[in-house]
């Protein structure tokens, strides 16, 4: 009997809430009320922590103690010290290289998955998605095994006679290793946005372009790419921004090669210099925002497509 009462009460409350939503969904109060839980969640997990970092980045730091006051010393240190300038440029070019490699690899994969369909398309999707089911640290250690001096790749090159055992290429603990590892990690984030948009492009448009005399290259650059630009834009932005902020793969495969996320973590944990680490975090966020806004404006001016 108590269960029936509970069920009836639950149905009654649900009915009242449904009626309330229907009554106010078109009003300003109703719309903001529906958005309130999401806005509160975003503020709690993103806005407030970022505000704390901004506050810390302007606090003075002396002899292991965070002082009270406002200073620009941490930003000046980041922009004027050659070590941090080099690290910032290295972080940017690694993210750009990973994005370019993933586009070159990802677009053909996405195109084949959509146009071939059937078991070929399913196999491409599964093969692209499968690495996401494995922990990032495990995947990075997998590349550690493949790329080290006596790993599978160098052993294969020596066996084939391409290089000698004394002159194997150094693929680990440098920028090459970071780029390879990140390109593998980020490939799904490039492929799937492109797959989604290619599904909306009729194959007949490509056939019409070919019938009108366009070759494959012209069809690709003048028909396919402009129509697929929203998906390409999403994939490029996601890949670049996430690569820019990646920590695990550069830390495991980079060795002594430092990128900004690794420097931030080491500054927080090793020296406890929270203000300087916060300043580096704000610089990284600012760079990402500049890239996103600039990229979107370029796309908008060129093709009238806003991207994401």
C-alpha atoms as a PDB file:
ATOM      1  CA  UNK A   1       0.000   0.000   0.000  1.00  0.00           C
ATOM      2  CA  UNK A   2       2.813   2.388   0.856  1.00  0.00           C
ATOM      3  CA  UNK A   3       4.424   1.683  -2.512  1.00  0.00           C
ATOM      4  CA  UNK A   4       1.181   2.520  -4.310  1.00  0.00           C
ATOM      5  CA  UNK A   5       0.938   5.774  -2.401  1.00  0.00           C
ATOM      6  CA  UNK A   6       4.536   6.620  -3.247  1.00  0.00           C
ATOM      7  CA  UNK A   7       3.948   5.893  -6.945  1.00  0.00           C
ATOM      8  CA  UNK A   8       0.769   7.954  -6.972  1.00  0.00           C
ATOM      9  CA  UNK A   9       2.491  10.841  -5.199  1.00  0.00           C
ATOM     10  CA  UNK A  10       5.396  10.671  -7.662  1.00  0.00           C
ATOM     11  CA  UNK A  11       2.998  10.764 -10.604  1.00  0.00           C
ATOM     12  CA  UNK A  12       1.170  13.704  -9.068  1.00  0.00           C
ATOM     13  CA  UNK A  13       4.416  15.667  -8.578  1.00  0.00           C
ATOM     14  CA  UNK A  14       5.532  14.787 -12.097  1.00  0.00           C
ATOM     15  CA  UNK A  15       2.232  15.998 -13.509  1.00  0.00           C
ATOM     16  CA  UNK A  16       2.477  19.308 -11.652  1.00  0.00           C
ATOM     17  CA  UNK A  17       6.061  19.838 -12.831  1.00  0.00           C
ATOM     18  CA  UNK A  18       5.083  19.039 -16.418  1.00  0.00           C
ATOM     19  CA  UNK A  19       2.188  21.467 -16.251  1.00  0.00           C
ATOM     20  CA  UNK A  20       4.492  24.124 -14.772  1.00  0.00           C
ATOM     21  CA  UNK A  21       7.043  23.653 -17.568  1.00  0.00           C
ATOM     22  CA  UNK A  22       4.335  23.837 -20.250  1.00  0.00           C
ATOM     23  CA  UNK A  23       2.913  26.998 -18.711  1.00  0.00           C
ATOM     24  CA  UNK A  24       6.210  28.875 -18.449  1.00  0.00           C
ATOM     25  CA  UNK A  25       8.403  27.385 -21.199  1.00  0.00           C
ATOM     26  CA  UNK A  26       7.750  30.267 -23.596  1.00  0.00           C
ATOM     27  CA  UNK A  27       8.352  32.961 -20.995  1.00  0.00           C
ATOM     28  CA  UNK A  28      11.712  34.501 -20.133  1.00  0.00           C
ATOM     29  CA  UNK A  29      11.467  33.183 -16.573  1.00  0.00           C
ATOM     30  CA  UNK A  30      10.804  29.678 -17.824  1.00  0.00           C
ATOM     31  CA  UNK A  31      13.706  29.693 -20.268  1.00  0.00           C
ATOM     32  CA  UNK A  32      16.185  30.965 -17.705  1.00  0.00           C
ATOM     33  CA  UNK A  33      14.775  28.544 -15.145  1.00  0.00           C
ATOM     34  CA  UNK A  34      15.443  25.595 -17.450  1.00  0.00           C
ATOM     35  CA  UNK A  35      18.952  26.876 -18.124  1.00  0.00           C
ATOM     36  CA  UNK A  36      19.714  27.512 -14.461  1.00  0.00           C
ATOM     37  CA  UNK A  37      21.016  24.016 -13.541  1.00  0.00           C
ATOM     38  CA  UNK A  38      23.366  24.016 -16.523  1.00  0.00           C
ATOM     39  CA  UNK A  39      24.578  27.547 -15.848  1.00  0.00           C
ATOM     40  CA  UNK A  40      25.192  26.756 -12.181  1.00  0.00           C
ATOM     41  CA  UNK A  41      27.133  23.601 -13.114  1.00  0.00           C
ATOM     42  CA  UNK A  42      29.291  25.469 -15.628  1.00  0.00           C
ATOM     43  CA  UNK A  43      29.953  28.218 -13.115  1.00  0.00           C
ATOM     44  CA  UNK A  44      30.889  25.699 -10.426  1.00  0.00           C
ATOM     45  CA  UNK A  45      33.318  23.633 -12.508  1.00  0.00           C
ATOM     46  CA  UNK A  46      34.706  26.274 -14.892  1.00  0.00           C
ATOM     47  CA  UNK A  47      34.047  29.909 -14.019  1.00  0.00           C
ATOM     48  CA  UNK A  48      34.867  29.839 -10.306  1.00  0.00           C
ATOM     49  CA  UNK A  49      38.118  27.800 -10.654  1.00  0.00           C
ATOM     50  CA  UNK A  50      39.245  30.071 -13.483  1.00  0.00           C
ATOM     51  CA  UNK A  51      38.481  33.141 -11.387  1.00  0.00           C
ATOM     52  CA  UNK A  52      40.598  31.692  -8.573  1.00  0.00           C
ATOM     53  CA  UNK A  53      43.507  31.117 -10.984  1.00  0.00           C
ATOM     54  CA  UNK A  54      43.190  34.682 -12.280  1.00  0.00           C
ATOM     55  CA  UNK A  55      43.303  35.984  -8.731  1.00  0.00           C
ATOM     56  CA  UNK A  56      46.371  33.890  -7.873  1.00  0.00           C
ATOM     57  CA  UNK A  57      48.194  34.968 -11.037  1.00  0.00           C
ATOM     58  CA  UNK A  58      48.340  38.560  -9.789  1.00  0.00           C
ATOM     59  CA  UNK A  59      49.442  37.750  -6.232  1.00  0.00           C
ATOM     60  CA  UNK A  60      53.101  38.319  -5.310  1.00  0.00           C
ATOM     61  CA  UNK A  61      55.210  35.302  -4.370  1.00  0.00           C
ATOM     62  CA  UNK A  62      58.274  35.448  -2.179  1.00  0.00           C
ATOM     63  CA  UNK A  63      60.265  32.752  -0.369  1.00  0.00           C
ATOM     64  CA  UNK A  64      57.594  30.106  -0.737  1.00  0.00           C
ATOM     65  CA  UNK A  65      54.776  32.365   0.434  1.00  0.00           C
ATOM     66  CA  UNK A  66      51.883  33.771  -1.589  1.00  0.00           C
ATOM     67  CA  UNK A  67      51.563  37.406  -0.633  1.00  0.00           C
ATOM     68  CA  UNK A  68      48.714  39.868  -0.679  1.00  0.00           C
ATOM     69  CA  UNK A  69      48.540  42.495  -3.395  1.00  0.00           C
ATOM     70  CA  UNK A  70      48.653  42.858  -7.148  1.00  0.00           C
ATOM     71  CA  UNK A  71      51.675  42.369  -9.401  1.00  0.00           C
ATOM     72  CA  UNK A  72      52.400  41.702 -13.061  1.00  0.00           C
ATOM     73  CA  UNK A  73      55.766  40.124 -12.290  1.00  0.00           C
ATOM     74  CA  UNK A  74      54.637  36.602 -13.150  1.00  0.00           C
ATOM     75  CA  UNK A  75      53.353  37.594 -16.591  1.00  0.00           C
ATOM     76  CA  UNK A  76      56.500  39.632 -17.266  1.00  0.00           C
ATOM     77  CA  UNK A  77      58.611  36.636 -16.264  1.00  0.00           C
ATOM     78  CA  UNK A  78      56.704  34.344 -18.595  1.00  0.00           C
ATOM     79  CA  UNK A  79      56.967  36.691 -21.582  1.00  0.00           C
ATOM     80  CA  UNK A  80      60.548  37.919 -21.067  1.00  0.00           C
ATOM     81  CA  UNK A  81      62.362  34.735 -20.000  1.00  0.00           C
ATOM     82  CA  UNK A  82      63.770  32.920 -23.068  1.00  0.00           C
ATOM     83  CA  UNK A  83      63.098  29.507 -21.499  1.00  0.00           C
ATOM     84  CA  UNK A  84      59.364  30.129 -21.204  1.00  0.00           C
ATOM     85  CA  UNK A  85      59.178  31.845 -24.595  1.00  0.00           C
ATOM     86  CA  UNK A  86      60.749  28.781 -26.195  1.00  0.00           C
ATOM     87  CA  UNK A  87      58.428  26.476 -24.273  1.00  0.00           C
ATOM     88  CA  UNK A  88      55.345  28.415 -25.393  1.00  0.00           C
ATOM     89  CA  UNK A  89      56.398  28.359 -29.062  1.00  0.00           C
ATOM     90  CA  UNK A  90      57.203  24.639 -28.788  1.00  0.00           C
ATOM     91  CA  UNK A  91      53.753  23.966 -27.338  1.00  0.00           C
ATOM     92  CA  UNK A  92      52.088  25.878 -30.171  1.00  0.00           C
ATOM     93  CA  UNK A  93      53.991  24.207 -32.981  1.00  0.00           C
ATOM     94  CA  UNK A  94      53.482  20.723 -31.527  1.00  0.00           C
ATOM     95  CA  UNK A  95      49.726  21.372 -31.334  1.00  0.00           C
ATOM     96  CA  UNK A  96      49.756  22.709 -34.911  1.00  0.00           C
ATOM     97  CA  UNK A  97      51.779  19.720 -36.181  1.00  0.00           C
ATOM     98  CA  UNK A  98      49.445  17.247 -34.468  1.00  0.00           C
ATOM     99  CA  UNK A  99      46.420  19.018 -35.949  1.00  0.00           C
ATOM    100  CA  UNK A 100      47.882  18.975 -39.473  1.00  0.00           C
ATOM    101  CA  UNK A 101      48.863  15.297 -39.257  1.00  0.00           C
ATOM    102  CA  UNK A 102      45.464  14.289 -37.910  1.00  0.00           C
ATOM    103  CA  UNK A 103      43.690  16.195 -40.685  1.00  0.00           C
ATOM    104  CA  UNK A 104      45.814  14.520 -43.359  1.00  0.00           C
ATOM    105  CA  UNK A 105      45.095  11.102 -41.828  1.00  0.00           C
ATOM    106  CA  UNK A 106      41.592  11.771 -40.577  1.00  0.00           C
ATOM    107  CA  UNK A 107      39.851  13.195 -43.641  1.00  0.00           C
ATOM    108  CA  UNK A 108      40.560  10.164 -45.883  1.00  0.00           C
ATOM    109  CA  UNK A 109      39.470   7.845 -43.060  1.00  0.00           C
ATOM    110  CA  UNK A 110      36.244   9.784 -42.550  1.00  0.00           C
ATOM    111  CA  UNK A 111      35.583   9.920 -46.305  1.00  0.00           C
ATOM    112  CA  UNK A 112      36.163   6.185 -46.710  1.00  0.00           C
ATOM    113  CA  UNK A 113      33.969   5.394 -43.707  1.00  0.00           C
ATOM    114  CA  UNK A 114      31.063   7.402 -45.167  1.00  0.00           C
ATOM    115  CA  UNK A 115      31.374   6.661 -48.878  1.00  0.00           C
ATOM    116  CA  UNK A 116      32.353   2.998 -48.640  1.00  0.00           C
ATOM    117  CA  UNK A 117      29.878   2.157 -45.907  1.00  0.00           C
ATOM    118  CA  UNK A 118      29.185  -1.464 -45.135  1.00  0.00           C
ATOM    119  CA  UNK A 119      31.765  -3.476 -43.257  1.00  0.00           C
ATOM    120  CA  UNK A 120      34.577  -1.175 -44.418  1.00  0.00           C
ATOM    121  CA  UNK A 121      32.947   1.876 -42.856  1.00  0.00           C
ATOM    122  CA  UNK A 122      32.141  -0.026 -39.666  1.00  0.00           C
ATOM    123  CA  UNK A 123      35.718  -1.301 -39.437  1.00  0.00           C
ATOM    124  CA  UNK A 124      37.122   2.233 -39.795  1.00  0.00           C
ATOM    125  CA  UNK A 125      34.771   3.595 -37.135  1.00  0.00           C
ATOM    126  CA  UNK A 126      35.547   0.754 -34.712  1.00  0.00           C
ATOM    127  CA  UNK A 127      39.306   1.011 -35.314  1.00  0.00           C
ATOM    128  CA  UNK A 128      39.187   4.767 -34.735  1.00  0.00           C
ATOM    129  CA  UNK A 129      36.976   4.517 -31.669  1.00  0.00           C
ATOM    130  CA  UNK A 130      38.662   1.532 -30.015  1.00  0.00           C
ATOM    131  CA  UNK A 131      41.714   3.413 -28.625  1.00  0.00           C
ATOM    132  CA  UNK A 132      39.372   5.636 -26.594  1.00  0.00           C
ATOM    133  CA  UNK A 133      38.410   2.582 -24.531  1.00  0.00           C
ATOM    134  CA  UNK A 134      42.012   2.259 -23.315  1.00  0.00           C
ATOM    135  CA  UNK A 135      43.402   4.511 -20.608  1.00  0.00           C
ATOM    136  CA  UNK A 136      45.567   7.359 -21.903  1.00  0.00           C
ATOM    137  CA  UNK A 137      48.527   6.374 -19.722  1.00  0.00           C
ATOM    138  CA  UNK A 138      48.415   2.815 -21.087  1.00  0.00           C
ATOM    139  CA  UNK A 139      48.338   4.074 -24.669  1.00  0.00           C
ATOM    140  CA  UNK A 140      51.272   6.380 -24.008  1.00  0.00           C
ATOM    141  CA  UNK A 141      53.285   3.545 -22.494  1.00  0.00           C
ATOM    142  CA  UNK A 142      52.424   1.504 -25.590  1.00  0.00           C
ATOM    143  CA  UNK A 143      54.089   4.150 -27.730  1.00  0.00           C
ATOM    144  CA  UNK A 144      56.981   4.137 -25.258  1.00  0.00           C
ATOM    145  CA  UNK A 145      57.544   0.464 -26.095  1.00  0.00           C
ATOM    146  CA  UNK A 146      57.194   1.053 -29.839  1.00  0.00           C
ATOM    147  CA  UNK A 147      59.425   4.126 -30.084  1.00  0.00           C
ATOM    148  CA  UNK A 148      62.369   3.353 -27.793  1.00  0.00           C
ATOM    149  CA  UNK A 149      65.793   2.594 -29.236  1.00  0.00           C
ATOM    150  CA  UNK A 150      65.242  -1.180 -29.293  1.00  0.00           C
ATOM    151  CA  UNK A 151      61.508  -0.992 -29.904  1.00  0.00           C
ATOM    152  CA  UNK A 152      59.405  -2.471 -32.672  1.00  0.00           C
ATOM    153  CA  UNK A 153      59.812   0.429 -35.117  1.00  0.00           C
ATOM    154  CA  UNK A 154      63.600   0.715 -34.908  1.00  0.00           C
ATOM    155  CA  UNK A 155      64.014  -3.083 -34.881  1.00  0.00           C
ATOM    156  CA  UNK A 156      61.928  -3.315 -38.056  1.00  0.00           C
ATOM    157  CA  UNK A 157      63.977  -0.591 -39.751  1.00  0.00           C
ATOM    158  CA  UNK A 158      67.211  -2.412 -38.859  1.00  0.00           C
ATOM    159  CA  UNK A 159      65.831  -5.762 -40.035  1.00  0.00           C
ATOM    160  CA  UNK A 160      64.802  -4.269 -43.386  1.00  0.00           C
ATOM    161  CA  UNK A 161      68.249  -2.729 -43.781  1.00  0.00           C
ATOM    162  CA  UNK A 162      66.906   0.824 -43.951  1.00  0.00           C
ATOM    163  CA  UNK A 163      69.130   1.962 -41.067  1.00  0.00           C
ATOM    164  CA  UNK A 164      72.037   0.394 -39.213  1.00  0.00           C
ATOM    165  CA  UNK A 165      71.823  -0.697 -35.589  1.00  0.00           C
ATOM    166  CA  UNK A 166      74.206   2.123 -34.639  1.00  0.00           C
ATOM    167  CA  UNK A 167      72.212   4.851 -36.416  1.00  0.00           C
ATOM    168  CA  UNK A 168      68.606   4.174 -35.475  1.00  0.00           C
ATOM    169  CA  UNK A 169      66.452   7.321 -35.414  1.00  0.00           C
ATOM    170  CA  UNK A 170      65.675   8.810 -32.021  1.00  0.00           C
ATOM    171  CA  UNK A 171      61.901   8.696 -31.735  1.00  0.00           C
ATOM    172  CA  UNK A 172      61.520   8.975 -27.977  1.00  0.00           C
ATOM    173  CA  UNK A 173      62.129  11.721 -25.421  1.00  0.00           C
ATOM    174  CA  UNK A 174      61.941  14.447 -28.036  1.00  0.00           C
ATOM    175  CA  UNK A 175      59.364  16.463 -29.952  1.00  0.00           C
ATOM    176  CA  UNK A 176      58.942  13.695 -32.538  1.00  0.00           C
ATOM    177  CA  UNK A 177      57.750  11.268 -29.875  1.00  0.00           C
ATOM    178  CA  UNK A 178      55.306  13.805 -28.470  1.00  0.00           C
ATOM    179  CA  UNK A 179      53.843  14.534 -31.921  1.00  0.00           C
ATOM    180  CA  UNK A 180      53.458  10.827 -32.742  1.00  0.00           C
ATOM    181  CA  UNK A 181      51.799  10.050 -29.429  1.00  0.00           C
ATOM    182  CA  UNK A 182      49.451  13.028 -29.515  1.00  0.00           C
ATOM    183  CA  UNK A 183      48.527  12.410 -33.165  1.00  0.00           C
ATOM    184  CA  UNK A 184      47.375   8.923 -32.203  1.00  0.00           C
ATOM    185  CA  UNK A 185      45.481  10.158 -29.153  1.00  0.00           C
ATOM    186  CA  UNK A 186      43.723  12.994 -30.986  1.00  0.00           C
ATOM    187  CA  UNK A 187      42.844  11.227 -34.252  1.00  0.00           C
ATOM    188  CA  UNK A 188      39.284  10.246 -33.196  1.00  0.00           C
ATOM    189  CA  UNK A 189      38.505  13.871 -32.344  1.00  0.00           C
ATOM    190  CA  UNK A 190      39.342  14.810 -35.925  1.00  0.00           C
ATOM    191  CA  UNK A 191      37.641  11.880 -37.642  1.00  0.00           C
ATOM    192  CA  UNK A 192      34.203  11.851 -36.033  1.00  0.00           C
ATOM    193  CA  UNK A 193      33.211  15.521 -36.593  1.00  0.00           C
ATOM    194  CA  UNK A 194      34.158  15.104 -40.261  1.00  0.00           C
ATOM    195  CA  UNK A 195      32.198  11.845 -40.495  1.00  0.00           C
ATOM    196  CA  UNK A 196      29.124  13.577 -39.103  1.00  0.00           C
ATOM    197  CA  UNK A 197      29.193  16.368 -41.678  1.00  0.00           C
ATOM    198  CA  UNK A 198      30.079  14.077 -44.622  1.00  0.00           C
ATOM    199  CA  UNK A 199      26.898  12.114 -43.930  1.00  0.00           C
ATOM    200  CA  UNK A 200      24.939  15.254 -44.831  1.00  0.00           C
ATOM    201  CA  UNK A 201      26.692  15.799 -48.213  1.00  0.00           C
ATOM    202  CA  UNK A 202      24.993  13.928 -51.079  1.00  0.00           C
ATOM    203  CA  UNK A 203      27.385  11.866 -53.187  1.00  0.00           C
ATOM    204  CA  UNK A 204      25.549  13.124 -56.260  1.00  0.00           C
ATOM    205  CA  UNK A 205      27.221  16.531 -55.866  1.00  0.00           C
ATOM    206  CA  UNK A 206      30.635  14.967 -56.411  1.00  0.00           C
ATOM    207  CA  UNK A 207      29.350  13.011 -59.385  1.00  0.00           C
ATOM    208  CA  UNK A 208      27.859  16.196 -60.870  1.00  0.00           C
ATOM    209  CA  UNK A 209      31.198  17.981 -60.517  1.00  0.00           C
ATOM    210  CA  UNK A 210      32.993  15.092 -62.228  1.00  0.00           C
ATOM    211  CA  UNK A 211      30.418  15.066 -65.058  1.00  0.00           C
ATOM    212  CA  UNK A 212      31.020  18.788 -65.586  1.00  0.00           C
ATOM    213  CA  UNK A 213      34.739  18.166 -66.145  1.00  0.00           C
ATOM    214  CA  UNK A 214      36.237  18.618 -62.685  1.00  0.00           C
ATOM    215  CA  UNK A 215      39.041  16.252 -61.764  1.00  0.00           C
ATOM    216  CA  UNK A 216      39.356  14.621 -58.343  1.00  0.00           C
ATOM    217  CA  UNK A 217      41.526  17.411 -56.923  1.00  0.00           C
ATOM    218  CA  UNK A 218      39.125  20.125 -58.081  1.00  0.00           C
ATOM    219  CA  UNK A 219      36.132  18.209 -56.758  1.00  0.00           C
ATOM    220  CA  UNK A 220      37.867  17.844 -53.419  1.00  0.00           C
ATOM    221  CA  UNK A 221      38.946  21.488 -53.059  1.00  0.00           C
ATOM    222  CA  UNK A 222      35.948  23.231 -54.676  1.00  0.00           C
ATOM    223  CA  UNK A 223      33.048  20.980 -53.668  1.00  0.00           C
ATOM    224  CA  UNK A 224      33.852  18.602 -50.836  1.00  0.00           C
ATOM    225  CA  UNK A 225      36.003  20.774 -48.562  1.00  0.00           C
ATOM    226  CA  UNK A 226      33.698  23.845 -48.563  1.00  0.00           C
ATOM    227  CA  UNK A 227      30.677  21.688 -47.760  1.00  0.00           C
ATOM    228  CA  UNK A 228      32.574  19.740 -45.099  1.00  0.00           C
ATOM    229  CA  UNK A 229      34.053  22.884 -43.554  1.00  0.00           C
ATOM    230  CA  UNK A 230      31.848  22.873 -40.411  1.00  0.00           C
ATOM    231  CA  UNK A 231      33.077  19.374 -39.525  1.00  0.00           C
ATOM    232  CA  UNK A 232      36.659  20.196 -40.442  1.00  0.00           C
ATOM    233  CA  UNK A 233      36.456  23.339 -38.325  1.00  0.00           C
ATOM    234  CA  UNK A 234      35.171  21.402 -35.319  1.00  0.00           C
ATOM    235  CA  UNK A 235      37.809  18.690 -35.702  1.00  0.00           C
ATOM    236  CA  UNK A 236      40.655  21.163 -36.128  1.00  0.00           C
ATOM    237  CA  UNK A 237      39.642  23.275 -33.142  1.00  0.00           C
ATOM    238  CA  UNK A 238      39.109  20.309 -30.824  1.00  0.00           C
ATOM    239  CA  UNK A 239      42.375  18.685 -31.877  1.00  0.00           C
ATOM    240  CA  UNK A 240      44.422  21.866 -31.572  1.00  0.00           C
ATOM    241  CA  UNK A 241      43.018  23.048 -28.243  1.00  0.00           C
ATOM    242  CA  UNK A 242      43.194  19.645 -26.544  1.00  0.00           C
ATOM    243  CA  UNK A 243      46.723  19.061 -27.897  1.00  0.00           C
ATOM    244  CA  UNK A 244      47.692  22.484 -26.594  1.00  0.00           C
ATOM    245  CA  UNK A 245      46.601  21.524 -23.077  1.00  0.00           C
ATOM    246  CA  UNK A 246      47.750  17.873 -23.076  1.00  0.00           C
ATOM    247  CA  UNK A 247      49.917  16.790 -20.179  1.00  0.00           C
ATOM    248  CA  UNK A 248      50.150  12.985 -19.912  1.00  0.00           C
ATOM    249  CA  UNK A 249      51.530  12.146 -23.358  1.00  0.00           C
ATOM    250  CA  UNK A 250      54.174  14.939 -23.442  1.00  0.00           C
ATOM    251  CA  UNK A 251      55.233  14.068 -19.891  1.00  0.00           C
ATOM    252  CA  UNK A 252      55.713  10.369 -20.708  1.00  0.00           C
ATOM    253  CA  UNK A 253      57.105  10.606 -24.244  1.00  0.00           C
ATOM    254  CA  UNK A 254      58.872  13.956 -24.123  1.00  0.00           C
ATOM    255  CA  UNK A 255      61.541  13.235 -21.530  1.00  0.00           C
ATOM    256  CA  UNK A 256      63.377  16.496 -21.000  1.00  0.00           C
ATOM    257  CA  UNK A 257      61.327  18.284 -23.658  1.00  0.00           C
ATOM    258  CA  UNK A 258      58.904  20.559 -21.858  1.00  0.00           C
ATOM    259  CA  UNK A 259      55.586  22.002 -22.981  1.00  0.00           C
ATOM    260  CA  UNK A 260      53.516  24.540 -21.067  1.00  0.00           C
ATOM    261  CA  UNK A 261      51.120  22.035 -19.387  1.00  0.00           C
ATOM    262  CA  UNK A 262      54.102  20.055 -18.062  1.00  0.00           C
ATOM    263  CA  UNK A 263      55.756  23.239 -16.791  1.00  0.00           C
ATOM    264  CA  UNK A 264      52.517  24.317 -15.095  1.00  0.00           C
ATOM    265  CA  UNK A 265      52.163  20.976 -13.307  1.00  0.00           C
ATOM    266  CA  UNK A 266      55.788  20.963 -12.193  1.00  0.00           C
ATOM    267  CA  UNK A 267      55.494  24.545 -10.951  1.00  0.00           C
ATOM    268  CA  UNK A 268      52.374  23.736  -8.947  1.00  0.00           C
ATOM    269  CA  UNK A 269      53.709  20.512  -7.430  1.00  0.00           C
ATOM    270  CA  UNK A 270      57.485  20.986  -7.159  1.00  0.00           C
ATOM    271  CA  UNK A 271      57.991  24.632  -6.241  1.00  0.00           C
ATOM    272  CA  UNK A 272      54.470  25.422  -4.972  1.00  0.00           C
ATOM    273  CA  UNK A 273      54.692  28.698  -6.877  1.00  0.00           C
ATOM    274  CA  UNK A 274      50.955  28.926  -7.436  1.00  0.00           C
ATOM    275  CA  UNK A 275      50.917  32.526  -8.711  1.00  0.00           C
ATOM    276  CA  UNK A 276      53.415  31.845 -11.515  1.00  0.00           C
ATOM    277  CA  UNK A 277      51.736  28.563 -12.445  1.00  0.00           C
ATOM    278  CA  UNK A 278      48.386  30.386 -12.510  1.00  0.00           C
ATOM    279  CA  UNK A 279      49.858  33.053 -14.795  1.00  0.00           C
ATOM    280  CA  UNK A 280      51.110  30.355 -17.189  1.00  0.00           C
ATOM    281  CA  UNK A 281      47.634  28.783 -17.123  1.00  0.00           C
ATOM    282  CA  UNK A 282      46.013  32.106 -18.003  1.00  0.00           C
ATOM    283  CA  UNK A 283      48.462  32.613 -20.866  1.00  0.00           C
ATOM    284  CA  UNK A 284      47.618  29.160 -22.222  1.00  0.00           C
ATOM    285  CA  UNK A 285      43.884  29.874 -21.984  1.00  0.00           C
ATOM    286  CA  UNK A 286      44.362  33.268 -23.680  1.00  0.00           C
ATOM    287  CA  UNK A 287      46.331  31.677 -26.531  1.00  0.00           C
ATOM    288  CA  UNK A 288      43.617  29.053 -27.031  1.00  0.00           C
ATOM    289  CA  UNK A 289      40.888  31.730 -27.092  1.00  0.00           C
ATOM    290  CA  UNK A 290      42.829  33.856 -29.579  1.00  0.00           C
ATOM    291  CA  UNK A 291      43.302  30.868 -31.868  1.00  0.00           C
ATOM    292  CA  UNK A 292      39.633  29.875 -31.640  1.00  0.00           C
ATOM    293  CA  UNK A 293      38.299  33.387 -32.305  1.00  0.00           C
ATOM    294  CA  UNK A 294      40.806  34.057 -35.083  1.00  0.00           C
ATOM    295  CA  UNK A 295      40.133  30.722 -36.759  1.00  0.00           C
ATOM    296  CA  UNK A 296      36.383  31.255 -36.660  1.00  0.00           C
ATOM    297  CA  UNK A 297      36.666  34.760 -38.118  1.00  0.00           C
ATOM    298  CA  UNK A 298      38.887  33.559 -40.960  1.00  0.00           C
ATOM    299  CA  UNK A 299      36.393  30.829 -41.804  1.00  0.00           C
ATOM    300  CA  UNK A 300      33.509  33.278 -41.636  1.00  0.00           C
ATOM    301  CA  UNK A 301      35.190  35.712 -44.018  1.00  0.00           C
ATOM    302  CA  UNK A 302      36.325  33.068 -46.498  1.00  0.00           C
ATOM    303  CA  UNK A 303      33.195  30.973 -46.801  1.00  0.00           C
ATOM    304  CA  UNK A 304      30.520  32.410 -44.592  1.00  0.00           C
ATOM    305  CA  UNK A 305      30.773  29.362 -42.327  1.00  0.00           C
ATOM    306  CA  UNK A 306      31.208  29.877 -38.612  1.00  0.00           C
ATOM    307  CA  UNK A 307      32.546  26.407 -37.906  1.00  0.00           C
ATOM    308  CA  UNK A 308      31.487  24.766 -34.679  1.00  0.00           C
END
